[in-house]
Protein backbone atom coordinates (compact mmCIF):
# COMPACT_ATOMS: atom_id res chain seq x y z
CA MET A 1 93.29 106.51 98.30
CA SER A 2 89.64 105.92 99.72
CA GLY A 3 90.38 102.11 99.45
CA SER A 4 93.08 102.40 101.84
CA ILE A 5 90.97 104.09 103.95
CA GLU A 6 88.29 101.23 103.85
CA PHE A 7 90.68 98.61 104.37
CA SER A 8 92.22 100.34 107.75
CA HIS A 9 88.34 100.79 108.48
CA VAL A 10 87.47 96.94 108.03
CA CYS A 11 90.73 96.38 109.82
CA ARG A 12 89.80 98.08 112.97
CA ARG A 13 86.19 96.73 112.83
CA PHE A 14 87.70 93.11 112.42
CA PRO A 15 91.42 93.09 113.88
CA HIS A 16 93.84 90.55 112.61
CA ARG A 17 90.81 87.94 111.65
CA LYS A 18 91.80 88.21 107.83
CA LYS A 19 95.23 89.21 108.00
CA ALA A 20 96.58 86.87 110.03
CA GLN A 21 95.05 84.00 108.03
CA GLN A 22 96.87 85.24 104.99
CA THR A 23 99.84 85.72 106.84
CA GLN A 24 99.92 82.06 107.59
CA SER A 25 99.29 81.03 104.12
CA ASN A 26 102.13 83.33 102.63
CA HIS A 27 104.04 82.00 105.38
CA ARG A 28 103.73 78.16 104.24
CA ASP A 29 103.98 79.05 100.37
CA HIS A 30 107.30 80.83 101.29
CA SER A 31 108.66 77.86 103.04
CA VAL A 32 107.54 75.38 100.83
CA THR A 33 109.19 77.63 97.72
CA SER A 34 112.43 77.90 99.91
CA GLY A 35 112.58 74.37 100.58
CA THR A 36 111.86 73.35 96.78
CA GLN A 37 114.41 75.75 95.24
CA ARG A 38 117.04 74.26 97.93
């Protein structure tokens, strides 16, 4: 529970900085995986 609160706190202090990077990386991985499977 406290971990979630801490994460929210970090998000509030540094909005979207790390999350955006992670999402982009995840998106790329997903695209590559889909392409390979097909």
